[in-house]
C-alpha atoms as a PDB file:
ATOM      1  CA  UNK A   1     -37.935  78.053 -13.766  1.00  0.00           C
ATOM      2  CA  UNK A   2     -39.775  78.350 -16.905  1.00  0.00           C
ATOM      3  CA  UNK A   3     -42.336  80.807 -15.117  1.00  0.00           C
ATOM      4  CA  UNK A   4     -39.642  82.731 -13.837  1.00  0.00           C
ATOM      5  CA  UNK A   5     -37.813  83.291 -17.202  1.00  0.00           C
ATOM      6  CA  UNK A   6     -41.299  84.301 -18.698  1.00  0.00           C
ATOM      7  CA  UNK A   7     -41.980  86.786 -16.026  1.00  0.00           C
ATOM      8  CA  UNK A   8     -38.384  88.273 -16.800  1.00  0.00           C
ATOM      9  CA  UNK A   9     -39.239  88.511 -20.150  1.00  0.00           C
ATOM     10  CA  UNK A  10     -42.415  90.172 -19.422  1.00  0.00           C
ATOM     11  CA  UNK A  11     -40.812  92.328 -17.014  1.00  0.00           C
ATOM     12  CA  UNK A  12     -38.057  93.530 -19.950  1.00  0.00           C
ATOM     13  CA  UNK A  13     -40.883  94.099 -22.315  1.00  0.00           C
ATOM     14  CA  UNK A  14     -43.221  95.974 -19.903  1.00  0.00           C
ATOM     15  CA  UNK A  15     -40.148  98.228 -18.699  1.00  0.00           C
ATOM     16  CA  UNK A  16     -39.513  98.911 -22.204  1.00  0.00           C
ATOM     17  CA  UNK A  17     -42.522  99.954 -23.057  1.00  0.00           C
ATOM     18  CA  UNK A  18     -42.870 101.842 -19.602  1.00  0.00           C
ATOM     19  CA  UNK A  19     -39.499 103.610 -20.420  1.00  0.00           C
ATOM     20  CA  UNK A  20     -40.187 104.651 -23.586  1.00  0.00           C
ATOM     21  CA  UNK A  21     -43.804 105.656 -23.709  1.00  0.00           C
ATOM     22  CA  UNK A  22     -44.067 106.922 -19.934  1.00  0.00           C
ATOM     23  CA  UNK A  23     -46.858 103.991 -19.234  1.00  0.00           C
ATOM     24  CA  UNK A  24     -47.522 100.610 -19.456  1.00  0.00           C
ATOM     25  CA  UNK A  25     -45.310  98.447 -16.902  1.00  0.00           C
ATOM     26  CA  UNK A  26     -47.722  97.968 -14.040  1.00  0.00           C
ATOM     27  CA  UNK A  27     -50.827  97.022 -16.521  1.00  0.00           C
ATOM     28  CA  UNK A  28     -48.708  94.524 -18.426  1.00  0.00           C
ATOM     29  CA  UNK A  29     -46.978  92.865 -15.549  1.00  0.00           C
ATOM     30  CA  UNK A  30     -50.088  92.695 -13.097  1.00  0.00           C
ATOM     31  CA  UNK A  31     -52.220  91.359 -16.134  1.00  0.00           C
ATOM     32  CA  UNK A  32     -49.587  88.473 -16.464  1.00  0.00           C
ATOM     33  CA  UNK A  33     -49.296  87.674 -12.675  1.00  0.00           C
ATOM     34  CA  UNK A  34     -53.240  87.560 -12.327  1.00  0.00           C
ATOM     35  CA  UNK A  35     -53.349  85.304 -15.407  1.00  0.00           C
ATOM     36  CA  UNK A  36     -50.649  82.892 -13.742  1.00  0.00           C
ATOM     37  CA  UNK A  37     -53.194  82.610 -10.708  1.00  0.00           C
ATOM     38  CA  UNK A  38     -52.087  85.873  -8.236  1.00  0.00           C
ATOM     39  CA  UNK A  39     -55.225  87.907  -6.734  1.00  0.00           C
ATOM     40  CA  UNK A  40     -55.458  91.335  -7.767  1.00  0.00           C
ATOM     41  CA  UNK A  41     -53.541  92.687  -4.179  1.00  0.00           C
ATOM     42  CA  UNK A  42     -50.975  90.376  -4.554  1.00  0.00           C
ATOM     43  CA  UNK A  43     -50.409  90.753  -8.058  1.00  0.00           C
ATOM     44  CA  UNK A  44     -50.354  94.782  -7.534  1.00  0.00           C
ATOM     45  CA  UNK A  45     -48.145  94.394  -4.303  1.00  0.00           C
ATOM     46  CA  UNK A  46     -45.546  92.241  -6.157  1.00  0.00           C
ATOM     47  CA  UNK A  47     -45.323  94.623  -9.091  1.00  0.00           C
ATOM     48  CA  UNK A  48     -45.040  97.593  -6.815  1.00  0.00           C
ATOM     49  CA  UNK A  49     -42.313  96.247  -5.121  1.00  0.00           C
ATOM     50  CA  UNK A  50     -40.332  95.398  -8.639  1.00  0.00           C
ATOM     51  CA  UNK A  51     -41.121  98.900  -9.582  1.00  0.00           C
ATOM     52  CA  UNK A  52     -39.089 100.048  -6.958  1.00  0.00           C
ATOM     53  CA  UNK A  53     -35.815  99.020  -8.690  1.00  0.00           C
ATOM     54  CA  UNK A  54     -37.124  99.397 -11.998  1.00  0.00           C
ATOM     55  CA  UNK A  55     -37.983 102.867 -11.516  1.00  0.00           C
ATOM     56  CA  UNK A  56     -34.902 103.822  -9.878  1.00  0.00           C
ATOM     57  CA  UNK A  57     -32.863 102.245 -12.560  1.00  0.00           C
ATOM     58  CA  UNK A  58     -35.461 104.003 -15.257  1.00  0.00           C
ATOM     59  CA  UNK A  59     -35.053 107.334 -13.423  1.00  0.00           C
ATOM     60  CA  UNK A  60     -31.246 107.275 -13.326  1.00  0.00           C
ATOM     61  CA  UNK A  61     -31.142 106.385 -17.083  1.00  0.00           C
ATOM     62  CA  UNK A  62     -33.651 109.302 -18.231  1.00  0.00           C
ATOM     63  CA  UNK A  63     -31.693 111.767 -15.895  1.00  0.00           C
ATOM     64  CA  UNK A  64     -28.235 110.886 -17.776  1.00  0.00           C
ATOM     65  CA  UNK A  65     -29.987 111.279 -21.149  1.00  0.00           C
ATOM     66  CA  UNK A  66     -31.527 115.056 -19.869  1.00  0.00           C
ATOM     67  CA  UNK A  67     -35.227 113.549 -20.050  1.00  0.00           C
ATOM     68  CA  UNK A  68     -36.129 114.568 -16.597  1.00  0.00           C
ATOM     69  CA  UNK A  69     -37.562 117.602 -15.074  1.00  0.00           C
ATOM     70  CA  UNK A  70     -36.896 117.617 -11.321  1.00  0.00           C
ATOM     71  CA  UNK A  71     -38.980 120.463 -10.326  1.00  0.00           C
ATOM     72  CA  UNK A  72     -41.911 118.527 -11.814  1.00  0.00           C
ATOM     73  CA  UNK A  73     -40.989 115.367 -10.541  1.00  0.00           C
ATOM     74  CA  UNK A  74     -40.810 116.852  -6.996  1.00  0.00           C
ATOM     75  CA  UNK A  75     -44.386 118.418  -7.567  1.00  0.00           C
ATOM     76  CA  UNK A  76     -46.143 115.160  -8.718  1.00  0.00           C
ATOM     77  CA  UNK A  77     -44.103 112.475  -6.919  1.00  0.00           C
ATOM     78  CA  UNK A  78     -45.126 113.350  -3.448  1.00  0.00           C
ATOM     79  CA  UNK A  79     -49.265 113.515  -3.925  1.00  0.00           C
ATOM     80  CA  UNK A  80     -48.567 110.303  -6.142  1.00  0.00           C
ATOM     81  CA  UNK A  81     -47.090 108.598  -2.924  1.00  0.00           C
ATOM     82  CA  UNK A  82     -49.957 109.749  -0.794  1.00  0.00           C
ATOM     83  CA  UNK A  83     -52.496 108.474  -3.202  1.00  0.00           C
ATOM     84  CA  UNK A  84     -50.528 105.024  -3.865  1.00  0.00           C
ATOM     85  CA  UNK A  85     -50.316 104.399  -0.370  1.00  0.00           C
ATOM     86  CA  UNK A  86     -53.883 104.903   0.200  1.00  0.00           C
ATOM     87  CA  UNK A  87     -54.819 102.903  -2.522  1.00  0.00           C
ATOM     88  CA  UNK A  88     -52.707 100.016  -1.540  1.00  0.00           C
ATOM     89  CA  UNK A  89     -53.932 100.344   2.189  1.00  0.00           C
ATOM     90  CA  UNK A  90     -57.824 100.070   1.193  1.00  0.00           C
ATOM     91  CA  UNK A  91     -57.557  97.793  -1.731  1.00  0.00           C
ATOM     92  CA  UNK A  92     -59.341  94.832  -0.247  1.00  0.00           C
ATOM     93  CA  UNK A  93     -62.187  97.321   0.789  1.00  0.00           C
ATOM     94  CA  UNK A  94     -62.695  99.575  -2.111  1.00  0.00           C
ATOM     95  CA  UNK A  95     -64.116  98.762  -5.375  1.00  0.00           C
ATOM     96  CA  UNK A  96     -62.712 100.254  -8.405  1.00  0.00           C
ATOM     97  CA  UNK A  97     -65.430  98.439 -10.724  1.00  0.00           C
ATOM     98  CA  UNK A  98     -67.365 101.781 -11.217  1.00  0.00           C
ATOM     99  CA  UNK A  99     -64.480 103.851 -11.534  1.00  0.00           C
ATOM    100  CA  UNK A 100     -62.340 102.183 -14.106  1.00  0.00           C
ATOM    101  CA  UNK A 101     -64.879 102.695 -17.034  1.00  0.00           C
ATOM    102  CA  UNK A 102     -65.217 106.298 -15.820  1.00  0.00           C
ATOM    103  CA  UNK A 103     -61.399 106.789 -16.027  1.00  0.00           C
ATOM    104  CA  UNK A 104     -61.047 104.716 -19.138  1.00  0.00           C
ATOM    105  CA  UNK A 105     -63.071 106.971 -20.938  1.00  0.00           C
ATOM    106  CA  UNK A 106     -61.653 110.293 -19.757  1.00  0.00           C
ATOM    107  CA  UNK A 107     -58.081 108.759 -20.809  1.00  0.00           C
ATOM    108  CA  UNK A 108     -59.518 107.539 -24.162  1.00  0.00           C
ATOM    109  CA  UNK A 109     -60.758 111.070 -24.922  1.00  0.00           C
ATOM    110  CA  UNK A 110     -57.299 112.496 -23.905  1.00  0.00           C
ATOM    111  CA  UNK A 111     -55.477 110.243 -25.680  1.00  0.00           C
ATOM    112  CA  UNK A 112     -57.317 111.010 -28.685  1.00  0.00           C
ATOM    113  CA  UNK A 113     -56.898 114.623 -28.262  1.00  0.00           C
ATOM    114  CA  UNK A 114     -53.055 114.017 -27.700  1.00  0.00           C
ATOM    115  CA  UNK A 115     -52.541 112.141 -31.160  1.00  0.00           C
ATOM    116  CA  UNK A 116     -54.703 114.669 -32.989  1.00  0.00           C
ATOM    117  CA  UNK A 117     -52.600 117.438 -32.094  1.00  0.00           C
ATOM    118  CA  UNK A 118     -49.592 115.938 -32.853  1.00  0.00           C
ATOM    119  CA  UNK A 119     -50.921 114.604 -36.591  1.00  0.00           C
ATOM    120  CA  UNK A 120     -51.814 118.153 -36.702  1.00  0.00           C
ATOM    121  CA  UNK A 121     -47.964 119.131 -36.100  1.00  0.00           C
ATOM    122  CA  UNK A 122     -49.039 120.943 -32.883  1.00  0.00           C
ATOM    123  CA  UNK A 123     -45.928 120.278 -30.880  1.00  0.00           C
ATOM    124  CA  UNK A 124     -47.182 120.404 -27.436  1.00  0.00           C
ATOM    125  CA  UNK A 125     -44.138 121.963 -25.815  1.00  0.00           C
ATOM    126  CA  UNK A 126     -44.983 125.566 -27.028  1.00  0.00           C
ATOM    127  CA  UNK A 127     -46.426 126.989 -23.915  1.00  0.00           C
ATOM    128  CA  UNK A 128     -43.651 128.565 -21.490  1.00  0.00           C
ATOM    129  CA  UNK A 129     -42.819 127.526 -17.842  1.00  0.00           C
ATOM    130  CA  UNK A 130     -43.603 124.071 -16.047  1.00  0.00           C
ATOM    131  CA  UNK A 131     -46.515 122.415 -14.960  1.00  0.00           C
ATOM    132  CA  UNK A 132     -47.928 124.259 -11.852  1.00  0.00           C
ATOM    133  CA  UNK A 133     -49.330 122.631  -8.285  1.00  0.00           C
ATOM    134  CA  UNK A 134     -52.802 123.191  -9.531  1.00  0.00           C
ATOM    135  CA  UNK A 135     -52.306 120.543 -12.094  1.00  0.00           C
ATOM    136  CA  UNK A 136     -49.773 118.344 -10.138  1.00  0.00           C
ATOM    137  CA  UNK A 137     -51.501 118.079  -7.093  1.00  0.00           C
ATOM    138  CA  UNK A 138     -54.566 116.276  -8.093  1.00  0.00           C
ATOM    139  CA  UNK A 139     -52.933 114.363 -11.081  1.00  0.00           C
ATOM    140  CA  UNK A 140     -50.599 112.880  -8.752  1.00  0.00           C
ATOM    141  CA  UNK A 141     -53.317 111.734  -6.167  1.00  0.00           C
ATOM    142  CA  UNK A 142     -55.256 110.230  -8.846  1.00  0.00           C
ATOM    143  CA  UNK A 143     -52.621 108.517 -10.758  1.00  0.00           C
ATOM    144  CA  UNK A 144     -51.134 107.118  -7.672  1.00  0.00           C
ATOM    145  CA  UNK A 145     -54.526 105.649  -6.166  1.00  0.00           C
ATOM    146  CA  UNK A 146     -55.326 104.111  -9.529  1.00  0.00           C
ATOM    147  CA  UNK A 147     -51.920 102.704  -9.774  1.00  0.00           C
ATOM    148  CA  UNK A 148     -52.027 100.934  -6.618  1.00  0.00           C
ATOM    149  CA  UNK A 149     -55.720  99.717  -6.714  1.00  0.00           C
ATOM    150  CA  UNK A 150     -55.761  98.984 -10.575  1.00  0.00           C
ATOM    151  CA  UNK A 151     -52.332  97.120 -10.397  1.00  0.00           C
ATOM    152  CA  UNK A 152     -51.120  99.965 -12.873  1.00  0.00           C
ATOM    153  CA  UNK A 153     -51.940 103.260 -14.068  1.00  0.00           C
ATOM    154  CA  UNK A 154     -49.514 105.661 -12.962  1.00  0.00           C
ATOM    155  CA  UNK A 155     -48.276 106.335 -16.450  1.00  0.00           C
ATOM    156  CA  UNK A 156     -51.701 106.040 -18.260  1.00  0.00           C
ATOM    157  CA  UNK A 157     -53.112 108.753 -16.154  1.00  0.00           C
ATOM    158  CA  UNK A 158     -50.049 111.064 -16.022  1.00  0.00           C
ATOM    159  CA  UNK A 159     -48.731 110.711 -19.190  1.00  0.00           C
ATOM    160  CA  UNK A 160     -51.330 112.170 -21.161  1.00  0.00           C
ATOM    161  CA  UNK A 161     -52.256 114.929 -18.952  1.00  0.00           C
ATOM    162  CA  UNK A 162     -48.633 116.198 -19.006  1.00  0.00           C
ATOM    163  CA  UNK A 163     -48.684 115.685 -22.624  1.00  0.00           C
ATOM    164  CA  UNK A 164     -51.868 117.809 -23.144  1.00  0.00           C
ATOM    165  CA  UNK A 165     -50.623 120.831 -20.590  1.00  0.00           C
ATOM    166  CA  UNK A 166     -47.910 121.192 -23.327  1.00  0.00           C
ATOM    167  CA  UNK A 167     -45.306 122.510 -20.646  1.00  0.00           C
ATOM    168  CA  UNK A 168     -42.713 119.595 -21.288  1.00  0.00           C
ATOM    169  CA  UNK A 169     -41.711 118.321 -24.614  1.00  0.00           C
ATOM    170  CA  UNK A 170     -42.748 114.488 -24.767  1.00  0.00           C
ATOM    171  CA  UNK A 171     -39.666 112.826 -23.938  1.00  0.00           C
ATOM    172  CA  UNK A 172     -39.334 114.905 -20.862  1.00  0.00           C
ATOM    173  CA  UNK A 173     -42.831 114.016 -19.776  1.00  0.00           C
ATOM    174  CA  UNK A 174     -41.978 110.486 -20.053  1.00  0.00           C
ATOM    175  CA  UNK A 175     -38.392 110.834 -18.164  1.00  0.00           C
ATOM    176  CA  UNK A 176     -40.325 112.709 -15.432  1.00  0.00           C
ATOM    177  CA  UNK A 177     -43.028 110.434 -14.910  1.00  0.00           C
ATOM    178  CA  UNK A 178     -40.627 107.479 -15.079  1.00  0.00           C
ATOM    179  CA  UNK A 179     -38.768 109.307 -12.515  1.00  0.00           C
ATOM    180  CA  UNK A 180     -41.516 109.950  -9.870  1.00  0.00           C
ATOM    181  CA  UNK A 181     -42.843 106.586 -10.135  1.00  0.00           C
ATOM    182  CA  UNK A 182     -39.742 105.578  -7.774  1.00  0.00           C
ATOM    183  CA  UNK A 183     -41.463 107.208  -5.015  1.00  0.00           C
ATOM    184  CA  UNK A 184     -44.741 105.969  -5.842  1.00  0.00           C
ATOM    185  CA  UNK A 185     -43.951 102.413  -5.749  1.00  0.00           C
ATOM    186  CA  UNK A 186     -42.258 102.785  -2.312  1.00  0.00           C
ATOM    187  CA  UNK A 187     -44.907 104.411  -1.068  1.00  0.00           C
ATOM    188  CA  UNK A 188     -47.757 101.670  -2.554  1.00  0.00           C
ATOM    189  CA  UNK A 189     -45.216  98.735  -1.311  1.00  0.00           C
ATOM    190  CA  UNK A 190     -45.295 100.347   2.225  1.00  0.00           C
ATOM    191  CA  UNK A 191     -49.108 100.360   1.907  1.00  0.00           C
ATOM    192  CA  UNK A 192     -49.305  96.722   0.645  1.00  0.00           C
ATOM    193  CA  UNK A 193     -46.874  95.704   3.292  1.00  0.00           C
ATOM    194  CA  UNK A 194     -48.834  97.381   6.151  1.00  0.00           C
ATOM    195  CA  UNK A 195     -52.166  95.697   4.805  1.00  0.00           C
ATOM    196  CA  UNK A 196     -50.953  92.271   3.710  1.00  0.00           C
ATOM    197  CA  UNK A 197     -47.733  91.905   5.104  1.00  0.00           C
ATOM    198  CA  UNK A 198     -45.196  89.183   3.300  1.00  0.00           C
ATOM    199  CA  UNK A 199     -48.094  86.617   3.433  1.00  0.00           C
ATOM    200  CA  UNK A 200     -48.760  85.469  -0.171  1.00  0.00           C
ATOM    201  CA  UNK A 201     -45.837  87.049  -1.712  1.00  0.00           C
ATOM    202  CA  UNK A 202     -43.281  85.432  -3.974  1.00  0.00           C
ATOM    203  CA  UNK A 203     -39.745  87.083  -3.847  1.00  0.00           C
ATOM    204  CA  UNK A 204     -38.696  85.226  -6.517  1.00  0.00           C
ATOM    205  CA  UNK A 205     -41.413  86.693  -8.911  1.00  0.00           C
ATOM    206  CA  UNK A 206     -40.691  89.991  -7.814  1.00  0.00           C
ATOM    207  CA  UNK A 207     -37.069  89.518  -8.303  1.00  0.00           C
ATOM    208  CA  UNK A 208     -37.810  88.245 -11.907  1.00  0.00           C
ATOM    209  CA  UNK A 209     -39.770  91.382 -12.782  1.00  0.00           C
ATOM    210  CA  UNK A 210     -36.893  93.330 -11.185  1.00  0.00           C
ATOM    211  CA  UNK A 211     -34.376  91.909 -13.463  1.00  0.00           C
ATOM    212  CA  UNK A 212     -36.192  92.048 -16.594  1.00  0.00           C
ATOM    213  CA  UNK A 213     -37.181  95.543 -16.011  1.00  0.00           C
ATOM    214  CA  UNK A 214     -33.760  96.840 -14.889  1.00  0.00           C
ATOM    215  CA  UNK A 215     -32.115  95.596 -17.915  1.00  0.00           C
ATOM    216  CA  UNK A 216     -34.738  96.998 -20.480  1.00  0.00           C
ATOM    217  CA  UNK A 217     -34.618 100.941 -18.254  1.00  0.00           C
ATOM    218  CA  UNK A 218     -31.479 102.058 -19.773  1.00  0.00           C
ATOM    219  CA  UNK A 219     -32.178 100.800 -23.416  1.00  0.00           C
ATOM    220  CA  UNK A 220     -35.775 102.628 -23.531  1.00  0.00           C
ATOM    221  CA  UNK A 221     -34.279 105.629 -21.734  1.00  0.00           C
ATOM    222  CA  UNK A 222     -31.843 105.834 -24.819  1.00  0.00           C
ATOM    223  CA  UNK A 223     -34.380 105.338 -27.306  1.00  0.00           C
ATOM    224  CA  UNK A 224     -36.746 108.161 -26.267  1.00  0.00           C
ATOM    225  CA  UNK A 225     -34.025 110.722 -26.498  1.00  0.00           C
ATOM    226  CA  UNK A 226     -33.571 109.776 -30.194  1.00  0.00           C
ATOM    227  CA  UNK A 227     -37.368 109.724 -31.256  1.00  0.00           C
ATOM    228  CA  UNK A 228     -39.029 112.615 -33.312  1.00  0.00           C
ATOM    229  CA  UNK A 229     -41.329 114.552 -30.793  1.00  0.00           C
ATOM    230  CA  UNK A 230     -44.285 114.027 -33.256  1.00  0.00           C
ATOM    231  CA  UNK A 231     -43.930 110.340 -33.675  1.00  0.00           C
ATOM    232  CA  UNK A 232     -43.563 109.695 -30.299  1.00  0.00           C
ATOM    233  CA  UNK A 233     -46.528 111.836 -29.507  1.00  0.00           C
ATOM    234  CA  UNK A 234     -48.680 110.037 -32.103  1.00  0.00           C
ATOM    235  CA  UNK A 235     -47.276 106.700 -30.904  1.00  0.00           C
ATOM    236  CA  UNK A 236     -48.359 107.434 -27.035  1.00  0.00           C
ATOM    237  CA  UNK A 237     -51.603 109.004 -27.987  1.00  0.00           C
ATOM    238  CA  UNK A 238     -52.759 105.805 -30.276  1.00  0.00           C
ATOM    239  CA  UNK A 239     -50.983 103.790 -27.402  1.00  0.00           C
ATOM    240  CA  UNK A 240     -53.665 105.430 -24.643  1.00  0.00           C
ATOM    241  CA  UNK A 241     -56.476 104.796 -26.733  1.00  0.00           C
ATOM    242  CA  UNK A 242     -55.975 101.087 -27.472  1.00  0.00           C
ATOM    243  CA  UNK A 243     -55.387 100.620 -23.533  1.00  0.00           C
ATOM    244  CA  UNK A 244     -58.325 102.092 -22.407  1.00  0.00           C
ATOM    245  CA  UNK A 245     -60.282 100.554 -25.346  1.00  0.00           C
ATOM    246  CA  UNK A 246     -60.254  97.576 -23.559  1.00  0.00           C
ATOM    247  CA  UNK A 247     -61.549  99.065 -20.197  1.00  0.00           C
ATOM    248  CA  UNK A 248     -64.398 100.662 -22.113  1.00  0.00           C
ATOM    249  CA  UNK A 249     -65.619  97.362 -24.036  1.00  0.00           C
ATOM    250  CA  UNK A 250     -65.555  95.521 -21.090  1.00  0.00           C
ATOM    251  CA  UNK A 251     -67.865  97.855 -18.951  1.00  0.00           C
ATOM    252  CA  UNK A 252     -70.334  97.348 -21.707  1.00  0.00           C
ATOM    253  CA  UNK A 253     -69.985  93.905 -21.982  1.00  0.00           C
ATOM    254  CA  UNK A 254     -69.408  94.302 -25.773  1.00  0.00           C
ATOM    255  CA  UNK A 255     -69.993  91.360 -28.155  1.00  0.00           C
ATOM    256  CA  UNK A 256     -66.855  89.477 -30.038  1.00  0.00           C
ATOM    257  CA  UNK A 257     -68.060  91.676 -33.054  1.00  0.00           C
ATOM    258  CA  UNK A 258     -67.918  94.978 -31.457  1.00  0.00           C
ATOM    259  CA  UNK A 259     -64.300  94.171 -30.181  1.00  0.00           C
ATOM    260  CA  UNK A 260     -63.255  93.296 -33.452  1.00  0.00           C
ATOM    261  CA  UNK A 261     -64.733  96.407 -35.517  1.00  0.00           C
ATOM    262  CA  UNK A 262     -63.350  98.654 -32.306  1.00  0.00           C
ATOM    263  CA  UNK A 263     -59.755  97.424 -32.459  1.00  0.00           C
ATOM    264  CA  UNK A 264     -59.689  97.538 -36.274  1.00  0.00           C
ATOM    265  CA  UNK A 265     -60.828 100.870 -36.484  1.00  0.00           C
ATOM    266  CA  UNK A 266     -58.425 102.021 -33.862  1.00  0.00           C
ATOM    267  CA  UNK A 267     -55.552 100.410 -35.311  1.00  0.00           C
ATOM    268  CA  UNK A 268     -56.392 101.623 -38.578  1.00  0.00           C
ATOM    269  CA  UNK A 269     -56.552 105.349 -37.387  1.00  0.00           C
ATOM    270  CA  UNK A 270     -53.517 104.946 -35.349  1.00  0.00           C
ATOM    271  CA  UNK A 271     -51.529 103.522 -38.345  1.00  0.00           C
ATOM    272  CA  UNK A 272     -52.702 106.141 -40.712  1.00  0.00           C
ATOM    273  CA  UNK A 273     -51.875 108.947 -37.832  1.00  0.00           C
ATOM    274  CA  UNK A 274     -48.150 107.311 -37.848  1.00  0.00           C
ATOM    275  CA  UNK A 275     -48.126 107.255 -41.587  1.00  0.00           C
ATOM    276  CA  UNK A 276     -48.714 111.141 -41.937  1.00  0.00           C
ATOM    277  CA  UNK A 277     -46.314 112.005 -39.257  1.00  0.00           C
ATOM    278  CA  UNK A 278     -43.647 109.821 -40.811  1.00  0.00           C
ATOM    279  CA  UNK A 279     -44.156 111.150 -44.103  1.00  0.00           C
ATOM    280  CA  UNK A 280     -44.111 114.729 -42.978  1.00  0.00           C
ATOM    281  CA  UNK A 281     -40.839 113.775 -41.198  1.00  0.00           C
ATOM    282  CA  UNK A 282     -39.251 112.237 -44.248  1.00  0.00           C
ATOM    283  CA  UNK A 283     -40.080 115.220 -46.423  1.00  0.00           C
ATOM    284  CA  UNK A 284     -38.029 117.485 -44.477  1.00  0.00           C
ATOM    285  CA  UNK A 285     -34.537 118.208 -45.239  1.00  0.00           C
ATOM    286  CA  UNK A 286     -31.899 116.476 -42.982  1.00  0.00           C
ATOM    287  CA  UNK A 287     -30.798 120.168 -41.903  1.00  0.00           C
ATOM    288  CA  UNK A 288     -34.223 121.156 -41.168  1.00  0.00           C
ATOM    289  CA  UNK A 289     -35.087 118.226 -39.238  1.00  0.00           C
ATOM    290  CA  UNK A 290     -31.937 118.391 -36.859  1.00  0.00           C
ATOM    291  CA  UNK A 291     -32.858 121.932 -36.362  1.00  0.00           C
ATOM    292  CA  UNK A 292     -36.332 121.221 -35.302  1.00  0.00           C
ATOM    293  CA  UNK A 293     -35.222 118.403 -32.920  1.00  0.00           C
ATOM    294  CA  UNK A 294     -32.564 120.859 -31.379  1.00  0.00           C
ATOM    295  CA  UNK A 295     -35.411 123.640 -30.911  1.00  0.00           C
ATOM    296  CA  UNK A 296     -37.698 121.154 -29.547  1.00  0.00           C
ATOM    297  CA  UNK A 297     -35.184 119.690 -27.013  1.00  0.00           C
ATOM    298  CA  UNK A 298     -33.954 123.302 -26.152  1.00  0.00           C
ATOM    299  CA  UNK A 299     -37.550 124.137 -24.807  1.00  0.00           C
ATOM    300  CA  UNK A 300     -37.330 122.024 -22.007  1.00  0.00           C
END
């Protein structure tokens, strides 16, 4: 029982982060399950099964708060489902040891780019229209495949790319990614059941993750609706950098001192960027802040 309670609490925290930032549920939950002794395949399968429920609740909650662009959901969820099914089916025979540091490096650069644009006050919703299939098809396939094979990755792959594309404002990006994750999770679960069956799966673990995540989903959807776009953008960009820094440092077998220096530098840059956008926000008159938020929201 204490273990299941810990897993439920972890599921709550992971879904709150995922629903607020558009990423983090799979990575956080899979890390905990692997630490508890599950194999990567079983950990990923458990997380994907739980995500069917949490993603459904999160998608409905984000829809209620106007955070979902359903046209983009349809265009990215289908290739995402194809990629996740392929990743789940072939997880036992495909090594991601080489692909992970490459993807981590690209995501780190993209996260830094997103953070810089928000620090400079360039809100990424200034382009007209919606993301096209030329972006969404390969993005969905890649995000789905990495999500299934790595135990998480749908959000870290798709969120920064959609933020950098600049056609949706940050809260719409996060809500859209969260809603599309439902179909990705369903497809990945089908792939794991085909490859693994129910052997080794602990449905108690799945239920604990699901309950914790379902409680957190509507809270996160409500929070993201009221966050300032610049602050949210910097927060997401910094989170992307920190998440992928671990992959890069692990890939090069960095010594402990390098880890300490790297994370200290990243945390300092992140906190400085957040301080800048918060300072700019506080310097705006209240009426101007309200108009700015309405203008950003109306462009979605």
